[in-house]
N, C-alpha and C. Protein backbone atom coordinates (compact mmCIF):
# COMPACT_ATOMS: atom_id res chain seq x y z
N UNK A 1 -41.91 72.37 -84.13
CA UNK A 1 -43.02 71.89 -83.35
C UNK A 1 -43.62 70.67 -84.02
N UNK A 2 -44.18 69.81 -83.19
CA UNK A 2 -44.85 68.61 -83.68
C UNK A 2 -46.36 68.85 -83.62
N UNK A 3 -47.05 68.50 -84.69
CA UNK A 3 -48.50 68.54 -84.68
C UNK A 3 -48.97 67.18 -84.17
N UNK A 4 -49.28 67.10 -82.86
CA UNK A 4 -49.84 65.88 -82.29
C UNK A 4 -51.29 65.84 -82.74
N UNK A 5 -51.64 64.81 -83.50
CA UNK A 5 -52.97 64.78 -84.10
C UNK A 5 -53.48 63.36 -84.18
N UNK A 6 -54.78 63.22 -83.93
CA UNK A 6 -55.47 61.96 -84.17
C UNK A 6 -56.69 62.27 -85.03
N UNK A 7 -57.00 61.33 -85.91
CA UNK A 7 -58.14 61.48 -86.81
C UNK A 7 -59.02 60.25 -86.67
N UNK A 8 -60.33 60.48 -86.66
CA UNK A 8 -61.27 59.38 -86.53
C UNK A 8 -62.44 59.57 -87.48
N UNK A 9 -63.02 58.45 -87.88
CA UNK A 9 -64.27 58.51 -88.62
C UNK A 9 -65.38 58.72 -87.59
N UNK A 10 -66.33 59.59 -87.92
CA UNK A 10 -67.41 59.94 -87.01
C UNK A 10 -68.70 59.32 -87.52
N UNK A 11 -69.35 58.53 -86.66
CA UNK A 11 -70.58 57.85 -87.06
C UNK A 11 -71.83 58.65 -86.69
N UNK A 12 -71.70 59.60 -85.76
CA UNK A 12 -72.83 60.45 -85.35
C UNK A 12 -72.37 61.91 -85.37
N UNK A 13 -72.15 62.48 -86.57
CA UNK A 13 -71.57 63.82 -86.65
C UNK A 13 -72.39 64.90 -85.95
N UNK A 14 -73.71 64.81 -86.00
CA UNK A 14 -74.54 65.84 -85.37
C UNK A 14 -74.34 65.83 -83.85
N UNK A 15 -74.26 64.64 -83.25
CA UNK A 15 -74.05 64.53 -81.81
C UNK A 15 -72.69 65.08 -81.41
N UNK A 16 -71.66 64.77 -82.20
CA UNK A 16 -70.31 65.27 -81.91
C UNK A 16 -70.29 66.79 -82.07
N UNK A 17 -70.96 67.29 -83.11
CA UNK A 17 -71.01 68.73 -83.33
C UNK A 17 -71.67 69.43 -82.14
N UNK A 18 -72.76 68.89 -81.64
CA UNK A 18 -73.42 69.50 -80.48
C UNK A 18 -72.49 69.54 -79.27
N UNK A 19 -71.74 68.47 -79.05
CA UNK A 19 -70.79 68.44 -77.92
C UNK A 19 -69.68 69.48 -78.12
N UNK A 20 -69.16 69.56 -79.33
CA UNK A 20 -68.09 70.53 -79.59
C UNK A 20 -68.58 71.95 -79.41
N UNK A 21 -69.84 72.20 -79.75
CA UNK A 21 -70.37 73.55 -79.61
C UNK A 21 -70.55 73.97 -78.15
N UNK A 22 -70.48 73.02 -77.23
CA UNK A 22 -70.46 73.38 -75.80
C UNK A 22 -69.07 73.82 -75.38
N UNK A 23 -68.06 73.50 -76.18
CA UNK A 23 -66.67 73.86 -75.87
C UNK A 23 -66.22 75.16 -76.53
N UNK A 24 -66.76 75.42 -77.74
CA UNK A 24 -66.32 76.60 -78.49
C UNK A 24 -67.29 76.87 -79.63
N UNK A 25 -67.26 78.09 -80.11
CA UNK A 25 -68.05 78.45 -81.29
C UNK A 25 -67.37 77.87 -82.53
N UNK A 26 -68.19 77.41 -83.46
CA UNK A 26 -67.66 76.85 -84.69
C UNK A 26 -67.18 77.95 -85.63
N UNK A 27 -66.08 77.67 -86.31
CA UNK A 27 -65.59 78.52 -87.39
C UNK A 27 -65.71 77.66 -88.66
N UNK A 28 -66.68 77.99 -89.50
CA UNK A 28 -66.96 77.21 -90.71
C UNK A 28 -66.08 77.73 -91.83
N UNK A 29 -65.32 76.82 -92.44
CA UNK A 29 -64.39 77.21 -93.50
C UNK A 29 -64.33 76.13 -94.57
N UNK A 30 -63.99 76.56 -95.77
CA UNK A 30 -63.74 75.65 -96.88
C UNK A 30 -62.27 75.77 -97.25
N UNK A 31 -61.59 74.63 -97.26
CA UNK A 31 -60.17 74.59 -97.61
C UNK A 31 -60.02 74.13 -99.06
N UNK A 32 -59.21 74.83 -99.81
CA UNK A 32 -58.79 74.39 -101.14
C UNK A 32 -57.33 73.97 -100.99
N UNK A 33 -57.10 72.68 -100.96
CA UNK A 33 -55.75 72.14 -100.72
C UNK A 33 -55.12 71.67 -102.02
N UNK A 34 -53.87 72.08 -102.23
CA UNK A 34 -53.08 71.61 -103.37
C UNK A 34 -51.76 71.08 -102.82
N UNK A 35 -51.47 69.82 -103.13
CA UNK A 35 -50.25 69.16 -102.68
C UNK A 35 -49.25 69.08 -103.81
N UNK A 36 -48.00 69.36 -103.47
CA UNK A 36 -46.90 69.34 -104.43
C UNK A 36 -45.86 68.31 -104.03
N UNK A 37 -45.11 67.84 -105.02
CA UNK A 37 -44.00 66.92 -104.78
C UNK A 37 -43.02 67.07 -105.93
N UNK A 38 -41.90 66.41 -105.80
CA UNK A 38 -40.96 66.31 -106.90
C UNK A 38 -41.55 65.35 -107.93
N UNK A 39 -41.14 65.45 -109.20
CA UNK A 39 -41.68 64.52 -110.20
C UNK A 39 -41.47 63.05 -109.83
N UNK A 40 -40.41 62.74 -109.08
CA UNK A 40 -40.13 61.35 -108.69
C UNK A 40 -40.81 60.97 -107.38
N UNK A 41 -41.68 61.84 -106.85
CA UNK A 41 -42.45 61.60 -105.62
C UNK A 41 -41.55 61.41 -104.39
N UNK A 42 -40.44 62.11 -104.36
CA UNK A 42 -39.48 62.00 -103.27
C UNK A 42 -40.09 62.38 -101.91
N UNK A 43 -40.91 63.43 -101.87
CA UNK A 43 -41.53 63.82 -100.59
C UNK A 43 -42.48 62.72 -100.11
N UNK A 44 -43.34 62.25 -100.99
CA UNK A 44 -44.29 61.19 -100.62
C UNK A 44 -43.56 59.94 -100.11
N UNK A 45 -42.49 59.56 -100.80
CA UNK A 45 -41.72 58.38 -100.39
C UNK A 45 -41.12 58.55 -99.01
N UNK A 46 -40.79 59.78 -98.64
CA UNK A 46 -40.23 60.06 -97.33
C UNK A 46 -41.28 60.38 -96.28
N UNK A 47 -42.57 60.28 -96.64
CA UNK A 47 -43.64 60.57 -95.71
C UNK A 47 -43.81 62.05 -95.43
N UNK A 48 -43.32 62.90 -96.33
CA UNK A 48 -43.39 64.34 -96.15
C UNK A 48 -44.50 64.93 -97.03
N UNK A 49 -44.93 66.15 -96.69
CA UNK A 49 -45.99 66.81 -97.43
C UNK A 49 -45.64 68.28 -97.65
N UNK A 50 -45.98 68.77 -98.83
CA UNK A 50 -45.83 70.19 -99.16
C UNK A 50 -47.18 70.64 -99.72
N UNK A 51 -47.81 71.60 -99.03
CA UNK A 51 -49.19 71.95 -99.37
C UNK A 51 -49.38 73.46 -99.39
N UNK A 52 -50.21 73.89 -100.34
CA UNK A 52 -50.74 75.25 -100.32
C UNK A 52 -52.23 75.11 -100.02
N UNK A 53 -52.67 75.79 -98.97
CA UNK A 53 -54.08 75.74 -98.57
C UNK A 53 -54.65 77.15 -98.61
N UNK A 54 -55.71 77.32 -99.39
CA UNK A 54 -56.45 78.57 -99.38
C UNK A 54 -57.73 78.32 -98.60
N UNK A 55 -57.93 79.14 -97.57
CA UNK A 55 -59.04 78.97 -96.64
C UNK A 55 -60.05 80.09 -96.89
N UNK A 56 -61.29 79.69 -97.15
CA UNK A 56 -62.39 80.62 -97.35
C UNK A 56 -63.31 80.52 -96.14
N UNK A 57 -63.53 81.64 -95.45
CA UNK A 57 -64.40 81.63 -94.28
C UNK A 57 -65.08 82.97 -94.08
N UNK A 58 -65.81 83.06 -92.99
CA UNK A 58 -66.56 84.29 -92.70
C UNK A 58 -65.64 85.50 -92.53
N UNK A 59 -64.41 85.25 -92.10
CA UNK A 59 -63.45 86.34 -91.88
C UNK A 59 -62.65 86.69 -93.13
N UNK A 60 -62.98 86.09 -94.27
CA UNK A 60 -62.25 86.37 -95.50
C UNK A 60 -61.49 85.15 -95.99
N UNK A 61 -60.49 85.42 -96.80
CA UNK A 61 -59.69 84.36 -97.41
C UNK A 61 -58.24 84.55 -97.01
N UNK A 62 -57.59 83.43 -96.69
CA UNK A 62 -56.16 83.46 -96.39
C UNK A 62 -55.52 82.22 -97.03
N UNK A 63 -54.23 82.32 -97.29
CA UNK A 63 -53.49 81.20 -97.88
C UNK A 63 -52.31 80.88 -97.00
N UNK A 64 -52.09 79.57 -96.81
CA UNK A 64 -51.03 79.08 -95.93
C UNK A 64 -50.18 78.07 -96.70
N UNK A 65 -48.87 78.24 -96.61
CA UNK A 65 -47.91 77.27 -97.15
C UNK A 65 -47.47 76.40 -96.00
N UNK A 66 -47.55 75.08 -96.17
CA UNK A 66 -47.24 74.12 -95.11
C UNK A 66 -46.28 73.05 -95.60
N UNK A 67 -45.29 72.76 -94.76
CA UNK A 67 -44.43 71.59 -94.96
C UNK A 67 -44.56 70.72 -93.73
N UNK A 68 -44.84 69.43 -93.95
CA UNK A 68 -44.89 68.46 -92.86
C UNK A 68 -43.79 67.44 -93.10
N UNK A 69 -42.99 67.23 -92.07
CA UNK A 69 -41.90 66.27 -92.15
C UNK A 69 -42.40 64.84 -91.96
N UNK A 70 -41.46 63.94 -91.92
CA UNK A 70 -41.76 62.52 -91.72
C UNK A 70 -42.40 62.30 -90.35
N UNK A 71 -43.34 61.36 -90.27
CA UNK A 71 -44.03 61.07 -89.01
C UNK A 71 -43.04 60.69 -87.92
N UNK A 72 -43.25 61.27 -86.74
CA UNK A 72 -42.42 60.93 -85.58
C UNK A 72 -43.14 59.94 -84.67
N UNK A 73 -44.42 59.68 -84.97
CA UNK A 73 -45.20 58.68 -84.26
C UNK A 73 -46.04 57.96 -85.30
N UNK A 74 -45.66 56.72 -85.61
CA UNK A 74 -46.30 55.98 -86.69
C UNK A 74 -47.77 55.71 -86.38
N UNK A 75 -48.09 55.38 -85.13
CA UNK A 75 -49.46 55.02 -84.77
C UNK A 75 -50.44 56.16 -85.01
N UNK A 76 -50.02 57.38 -84.77
CA UNK A 76 -50.92 58.53 -84.95
C UNK A 76 -50.67 59.26 -86.27
N UNK A 77 -49.49 59.12 -86.82
CA UNK A 77 -49.11 59.88 -88.01
C UNK A 77 -48.69 61.30 -87.69
N UNK A 78 -48.47 61.62 -86.40
CA UNK A 78 -48.07 62.98 -86.00
C UNK A 78 -46.72 63.33 -86.63
N UNK A 79 -46.63 64.59 -87.12
CA UNK A 79 -45.46 65.03 -87.87
C UNK A 79 -45.01 66.41 -87.42
N UNK A 80 -43.73 66.72 -87.63
CA UNK A 80 -43.30 68.11 -87.48
C UNK A 80 -44.02 68.94 -88.55
N UNK A 81 -44.43 70.14 -88.18
CA UNK A 81 -45.19 70.97 -89.11
C UNK A 81 -44.66 72.40 -89.09
N UNK A 82 -44.49 72.95 -90.29
CA UNK A 82 -44.02 74.32 -90.45
C UNK A 82 -44.98 75.03 -91.39
N UNK A 83 -45.56 76.15 -90.93
CA UNK A 83 -46.54 76.88 -91.73
C UNK A 83 -46.22 78.35 -91.74
N UNK A 84 -46.63 78.99 -92.84
CA UNK A 84 -46.54 80.44 -92.92
C UNK A 84 -47.65 80.96 -93.81
N UNK A 85 -48.19 82.10 -93.43
CA UNK A 85 -49.17 82.78 -94.28
C UNK A 85 -48.46 83.34 -95.51
N UNK A 86 -49.16 83.33 -96.63
CA UNK A 86 -48.60 83.91 -97.85
C UNK A 86 -49.58 84.96 -98.37
N UNK A 87 -49.04 86.02 -98.95
CA UNK A 87 -49.87 87.11 -99.46
C UNK A 87 -50.49 86.81 -100.81
N UNK A 88 -49.79 86.03 -101.62
CA UNK A 88 -50.22 85.83 -103.01
C UNK A 88 -50.16 84.35 -103.37
N UNK A 89 -51.32 83.69 -103.34
CA UNK A 89 -51.37 82.25 -103.62
C UNK A 89 -50.88 81.93 -105.03
N UNK A 90 -51.25 82.76 -106.00
CA UNK A 90 -50.83 82.51 -107.39
C UNK A 90 -49.31 82.51 -107.49
N UNK A 91 -48.67 83.46 -106.82
CA UNK A 91 -47.21 83.55 -106.86
C UNK A 91 -46.57 82.33 -106.20
N UNK A 92 -47.11 81.87 -105.09
CA UNK A 92 -46.53 80.71 -104.40
C UNK A 92 -46.65 79.45 -105.25
N UNK A 93 -47.81 79.27 -105.90
CA UNK A 93 -47.95 78.14 -106.82
C UNK A 93 -46.88 78.23 -107.93
N UNK A 94 -46.69 79.42 -108.48
CA UNK A 94 -45.71 79.62 -109.56
C UNK A 94 -44.29 79.38 -109.05
N UNK A 95 -44.00 79.81 -107.84
CA UNK A 95 -42.66 79.59 -107.27
C UNK A 95 -42.38 78.10 -107.13
N UNK A 96 -43.34 77.35 -106.58
CA UNK A 96 -43.12 75.91 -106.40
C UNK A 96 -42.93 75.22 -107.75
N UNK A 97 -43.76 75.57 -108.73
CA UNK A 97 -43.58 74.98 -110.08
C UNK A 97 -42.23 75.37 -110.66
N UNK A 98 -41.82 76.63 -110.45
CA UNK A 98 -40.53 77.09 -110.95
C UNK A 98 -39.36 76.38 -110.31
N UNK A 99 -39.54 75.92 -109.07
CA UNK A 99 -38.50 75.17 -108.37
C UNK A 99 -38.51 73.69 -108.73
N UNK A 100 -39.41 73.29 -109.63
CA UNK A 100 -39.42 71.91 -110.09
C UNK A 100 -40.44 71.02 -109.40
N UNK A 101 -41.26 71.59 -108.53
CA UNK A 101 -42.32 70.79 -107.91
C UNK A 101 -43.49 70.66 -108.87
N UNK A 102 -44.22 69.55 -108.76
CA UNK A 102 -45.39 69.33 -109.59
C UNK A 102 -46.60 69.14 -108.68
N UNK A 103 -47.75 69.58 -109.19
CA UNK A 103 -49.00 69.39 -108.44
C UNK A 103 -49.37 67.91 -108.49
N UNK A 104 -49.56 67.33 -107.32
CA UNK A 104 -49.92 65.90 -107.24
C UNK A 104 -51.43 65.71 -107.16
N UNK A 105 -52.06 66.53 -106.31
CA UNK A 105 -53.49 66.39 -106.13
C UNK A 105 -54.02 67.67 -105.50
N UNK A 106 -55.24 68.00 -105.85
CA UNK A 106 -55.92 69.16 -105.27
C UNK A 106 -57.35 68.75 -104.98
N UNK A 107 -57.88 69.19 -103.85
CA UNK A 107 -59.25 68.86 -103.49
C UNK A 107 -59.77 69.83 -102.45
N UNK A 108 -61.05 69.72 -102.16
CA UNK A 108 -61.72 70.61 -101.21
C UNK A 108 -62.06 69.86 -99.93
N UNK A 109 -61.90 70.56 -98.81
CA UNK A 109 -62.33 70.07 -97.50
C UNK A 109 -63.30 71.08 -96.91
N UNK A 110 -64.42 70.60 -96.42
CA UNK A 110 -65.40 71.46 -95.74
C UNK A 110 -65.27 71.22 -94.25
N UNK A 111 -64.93 72.27 -93.52
CA UNK A 111 -64.52 72.11 -92.12
C UNK A 111 -65.33 72.98 -91.16
N UNK A 112 -65.53 72.43 -89.98
CA UNK A 112 -66.06 73.16 -88.83
C UNK A 112 -64.98 73.07 -87.76
N UNK A 113 -64.32 74.19 -87.49
CA UNK A 113 -63.21 74.23 -86.54
C UNK A 113 -63.66 74.73 -85.18
N UNK A 114 -63.15 74.08 -84.14
CA UNK A 114 -63.46 74.44 -82.76
C UNK A 114 -62.15 74.55 -82.00
N UNK A 115 -61.78 75.74 -81.59
CA UNK A 115 -60.55 75.95 -80.80
C UNK A 115 -60.97 76.06 -79.33
N UNK A 116 -60.37 75.24 -78.49
CA UNK A 116 -60.72 75.24 -77.07
C UNK A 116 -59.54 74.76 -76.24
N UNK A 117 -59.67 74.93 -74.94
CA UNK A 117 -58.65 74.43 -74.02
C UNK A 117 -59.24 73.31 -73.18
N UNK A 118 -58.49 72.23 -73.06
CA UNK A 118 -58.87 71.12 -72.21
C UNK A 118 -57.61 70.40 -71.76
N UNK A 119 -57.65 69.87 -70.57
CA UNK A 119 -56.50 69.15 -70.02
C UNK A 119 -55.23 70.01 -70.05
N UNK A 120 -55.41 71.32 -69.90
CA UNK A 120 -54.28 72.24 -69.87
C UNK A 120 -53.64 72.49 -71.22
N UNK A 121 -54.34 72.14 -72.30
CA UNK A 121 -53.78 72.31 -73.65
C UNK A 121 -54.76 73.07 -74.54
N UNK A 122 -54.19 73.86 -75.45
CA UNK A 122 -54.98 74.45 -76.53
C UNK A 122 -55.14 73.36 -77.59
N UNK A 123 -56.37 73.08 -77.96
CA UNK A 123 -56.64 72.07 -78.97
C UNK A 123 -57.50 72.66 -80.07
N UNK A 124 -57.37 72.06 -81.23
CA UNK A 124 -58.23 72.39 -82.35
C UNK A 124 -58.90 71.10 -82.79
N UNK A 125 -60.23 71.10 -82.73
CA UNK A 125 -61.01 69.97 -83.24
C UNK A 125 -61.66 70.42 -84.54
N UNK A 126 -61.56 69.59 -85.55
CA UNK A 126 -62.12 69.93 -86.85
C UNK A 126 -62.98 68.78 -87.36
N UNK A 127 -64.26 69.08 -87.58
CA UNK A 127 -65.13 68.13 -88.27
C UNK A 127 -64.94 68.36 -89.76
N UNK A 128 -64.64 67.30 -90.49
CA UNK A 128 -64.24 67.41 -91.89
C UNK A 128 -65.13 66.56 -92.78
N UNK A 129 -65.55 67.17 -93.88
CA UNK A 129 -66.19 66.44 -94.98
C UNK A 129 -65.40 66.76 -96.24
N UNK A 130 -65.04 65.72 -96.94
CA UNK A 130 -64.39 65.87 -98.24
C UNK A 130 -65.41 65.36 -99.25
N UNK A 131 -65.95 66.24 -100.11
CA UNK A 131 -67.05 65.83 -100.98
C UNK A 131 -66.77 64.58 -101.81
N UNK A 132 -65.52 64.32 -102.12
CA UNK A 132 -65.21 63.17 -102.97
C UNK A 132 -65.14 61.83 -102.23
N UNK A 133 -65.14 61.85 -100.89
CA UNK A 133 -65.07 60.60 -100.15
C UNK A 133 -66.23 60.52 -99.16
N UNK A 134 -66.60 59.31 -98.82
CA UNK A 134 -67.71 59.09 -97.89
C UNK A 134 -67.29 59.35 -96.46
N UNK A 135 -68.23 59.85 -95.68
CA UNK A 135 -68.02 59.96 -94.25
C UNK A 135 -67.66 61.35 -93.77
N UNK A 136 -67.76 61.47 -92.45
CA UNK A 136 -67.34 62.66 -91.74
C UNK A 136 -66.20 62.25 -90.83
N UNK A 137 -65.20 63.11 -90.71
CA UNK A 137 -64.02 62.81 -89.90
C UNK A 137 -63.85 63.88 -88.85
N UNK A 138 -63.22 63.50 -87.76
CA UNK A 138 -62.87 64.44 -86.70
C UNK A 138 -61.37 64.38 -86.51
N UNK A 139 -60.73 65.54 -86.62
CA UNK A 139 -59.30 65.66 -86.33
C UNK A 139 -59.19 66.48 -85.05
N UNK A 140 -58.37 66.02 -84.13
CA UNK A 140 -58.05 66.84 -82.96
C UNK A 140 -56.54 66.95 -82.91
N UNK A 141 -56.06 68.19 -82.77
CA UNK A 141 -54.61 68.43 -82.79
C UNK A 141 -54.21 69.46 -81.76
N UNK A 142 -52.94 69.39 -81.40
CA UNK A 142 -52.30 70.40 -80.56
C UNK A 142 -50.83 70.42 -80.93
N UNK A 143 -50.20 71.58 -80.86
CA UNK A 143 -48.78 71.69 -81.17
C UNK A 143 -47.96 71.51 -79.91
N UNK A 144 -46.93 70.65 -80.00
CA UNK A 144 -46.11 70.32 -78.82
C UNK A 144 -44.65 70.16 -79.22
N UNK A 145 -43.79 70.18 -78.21
CA UNK A 145 -42.40 69.79 -78.41
C UNK A 145 -42.35 68.26 -78.47
N UNK A 146 -41.29 67.72 -79.07
CA UNK A 146 -41.17 66.27 -79.21
C UNK A 146 -41.25 65.55 -77.87
N UNK A 147 -40.72 66.18 -76.82
CA UNK A 147 -40.72 65.53 -75.50
C UNK A 147 -42.12 65.43 -74.90
N UNK A 148 -43.09 66.18 -75.44
CA UNK A 148 -44.45 66.19 -74.90
C UNK A 148 -45.43 65.43 -75.81
N UNK A 149 -44.94 64.75 -76.82
CA UNK A 149 -45.82 64.12 -77.80
C UNK A 149 -46.71 63.04 -77.18
N UNK A 150 -46.14 62.11 -76.46
CA UNK A 150 -46.93 61.01 -75.90
C UNK A 150 -48.01 61.51 -74.94
N UNK A 151 -47.69 62.39 -73.98
CA UNK A 151 -48.76 62.91 -73.12
C UNK A 151 -49.83 63.69 -73.91
N UNK A 152 -49.42 64.41 -74.94
CA UNK A 152 -50.39 65.16 -75.75
C UNK A 152 -51.33 64.21 -76.47
N UNK A 153 -50.79 63.14 -77.04
CA UNK A 153 -51.65 62.16 -77.72
C UNK A 153 -52.59 61.48 -76.73
N UNK A 154 -52.13 61.24 -75.51
CA UNK A 154 -53.00 60.68 -74.47
C UNK A 154 -54.15 61.63 -74.17
N UNK A 155 -53.84 62.93 -74.09
CA UNK A 155 -54.89 63.93 -73.84
C UNK A 155 -55.87 64.01 -75.01
N UNK A 156 -55.39 63.89 -76.21
CA UNK A 156 -56.27 63.89 -77.38
C UNK A 156 -57.17 62.65 -77.35
N UNK A 157 -56.59 61.49 -77.05
CA UNK A 157 -57.40 60.26 -76.96
C UNK A 157 -58.51 60.42 -75.92
N UNK A 158 -58.18 61.00 -74.77
CA UNK A 158 -59.18 61.20 -73.71
C UNK A 158 -60.26 62.17 -74.18
N UNK A 159 -59.89 63.19 -74.93
CA UNK A 159 -60.87 64.13 -75.47
C UNK A 159 -61.78 63.45 -76.48
N UNK A 160 -61.21 62.59 -77.30
CA UNK A 160 -62.03 61.83 -78.25
C UNK A 160 -63.05 60.96 -77.51
N UNK A 161 -62.60 60.30 -76.45
CA UNK A 161 -63.52 59.48 -75.65
C UNK A 161 -64.64 60.34 -75.09
N UNK A 162 -64.30 61.53 -74.58
CA UNK A 162 -65.31 62.47 -74.07
C UNK A 162 -66.35 62.80 -75.14
N UNK A 163 -65.92 62.80 -76.39
CA UNK A 163 -66.81 63.14 -77.51
C UNK A 163 -67.53 61.91 -78.08
N UNK A 164 -67.32 60.74 -77.45
CA UNK A 164 -67.99 59.53 -77.88
C UNK A 164 -67.31 58.81 -79.03
N UNK A 165 -66.05 59.11 -79.27
CA UNK A 165 -65.28 58.48 -80.35
C UNK A 165 -64.44 57.36 -79.76
N UNK A 166 -64.58 56.17 -80.32
CA UNK A 166 -63.83 55.02 -79.78
C UNK A 166 -62.49 54.85 -80.49
N UNK A 167 -61.62 54.11 -79.86
CA UNK A 167 -60.30 53.79 -80.41
C UNK A 167 -60.45 53.10 -81.78
N UNK A 168 -61.51 52.32 -81.94
CA UNK A 168 -61.74 51.60 -83.19
C UNK A 168 -62.04 52.53 -84.37
N UNK A 169 -62.45 53.77 -84.07
CA UNK A 169 -62.79 54.72 -85.12
C UNK A 169 -61.58 55.49 -85.64
N UNK A 170 -60.42 55.35 -84.97
CA UNK A 170 -59.22 56.08 -85.39
C UNK A 170 -58.73 55.59 -86.74
N UNK A 171 -58.16 56.51 -87.51
CA UNK A 171 -57.60 56.17 -88.82
C UNK A 171 -56.38 57.04 -89.08
N UNK A 172 -55.43 56.48 -89.80
CA UNK A 172 -54.28 57.27 -90.24
C UNK A 172 -54.30 57.45 -91.77
N UNK A 173 -55.40 57.02 -92.41
CA UNK A 173 -55.49 57.20 -93.86
C UNK A 173 -55.48 58.69 -94.18
N UNK A 174 -54.67 59.06 -95.14
CA UNK A 174 -54.56 60.45 -95.57
C UNK A 174 -55.69 60.79 -96.54
N UNK A 175 -56.19 62.02 -96.45
CA UNK A 175 -57.21 62.47 -97.40
C UNK A 175 -56.68 62.39 -98.82
N UNK A 176 -55.41 62.70 -99.00
CA UNK A 176 -54.83 62.65 -100.34
C UNK A 176 -54.95 61.24 -100.92
N UNK A 177 -54.67 60.23 -100.11
CA UNK A 177 -54.77 58.84 -100.58
C UNK A 177 -56.21 58.46 -100.87
N UNK A 178 -57.14 58.86 -99.99
CA UNK A 178 -58.55 58.51 -100.16
C UNK A 178 -59.13 59.17 -101.41
N UNK A 179 -58.79 60.44 -101.63
CA UNK A 179 -59.27 61.14 -102.82
C UNK A 179 -58.67 60.52 -104.08
N UNK A 180 -57.37 60.22 -104.05
CA UNK A 180 -56.72 59.61 -105.21
C UNK A 180 -57.35 58.26 -105.53
N UNK A 181 -57.63 57.46 -104.51
CA UNK A 181 -58.26 56.15 -104.71
C UNK A 181 -59.66 56.31 -105.31
N UNK A 182 -60.40 57.29 -104.82
CA UNK A 182 -61.75 57.53 -105.34
C UNK A 182 -61.68 57.96 -106.81
N UNK A 183 -60.71 58.77 -107.16
CA UNK A 183 -60.58 59.22 -108.55
C UNK A 183 -60.16 58.08 -109.47
N UNK A 184 -59.39 57.13 -108.95
CA UNK A 184 -59.00 55.97 -109.77
C UNK A 184 -60.20 55.07 -110.04
N UNK A 185 -61.12 54.98 -109.07
CA UNK A 185 -62.30 54.11 -109.22
C UNK A 185 -63.31 54.78 -110.10
């Protein structure tokens, strides 16, 4: 499956949050993300990602192992995505290190997730704050087959417009890059 996703910087987060709350109840969660790669950065060079995410929320804690392939749409950065829940985060970190992967970067994301249906699609909108970088971001995503990617991205763009987000606010900058740049400065 392809994660059709667009991300934008939000200039009026409270207004967007109020609009999203008319669509769905918020699920407030904190993500602890750790990204892995080969020592030679082979995954990064290929535009791929390997991540362990531990999610802390009102419903408890869960850990997800995710692999994202190379972008299939450069303009949006949409990628094939494969995820699975894991029972033991410590063991998965040890397995990846044992297989020769190295931790590249780890950081926290504070998220308000809204799952809703619009335009005949299940969508997930997430308001994101990363304490190490400035700004609030909005990600809207839906999972689709490759043949449905363009119409799905069109539906996401229309949903962003409904939320008052303009095309000029879209960004493909990765949180990993933004956090790494902030740490270098």
